[in-house]
Amino acid sequence: MKTFRTIAFLLIVALSAVNAFTSVSSTSGSNFVVSQRSRAAEAATCPARNGVSSLHMGGKQAKFGIFSPAVYGAKVVLGNDKLLKLRGKAISLHSQAIGEFCMWAGAYHLRTKLIKLAKTNGDILGFLV
């Protein structure tokens, strides 16, 4: 019975990982490459924003990425408030680490750009769902 549960759990995890690469409107197979191309085209046409406001999501719908199922699971287990506190703490620690790295490397002027890049990568990977 324990072996059956293990196999069922692994099958569910594998299926959720496969679903992370498909879009909702797909009718057959994975279109991961196609969806990445459209995002790259969208990024090229978006105007560059300056200032602190570009660090915030601004009400924009976060992208579904490979880590989105884990975030949804954490939201169910921890609750929305505790998840937001944990996410804020993780973002704060990551921003501190980026700042310390920039100080160490002598490139503190790149700190803001690296933090924006980390935010964009987190959105693509599905941490901001």
Foldseek 3Di string as FASTA:
>chain_A
DVVVVVVVVVVVLVVLQLVLQADPPDDDDGPNVVVVVVVVVVVVPDDDDDDDVLLDPVPPDFRRANCQVVLVVCCVVVNDVVSVVVVVVVLVVVLVVLCVVCVVVVNNVCSVVVSSVVSVVCSHRNVVD
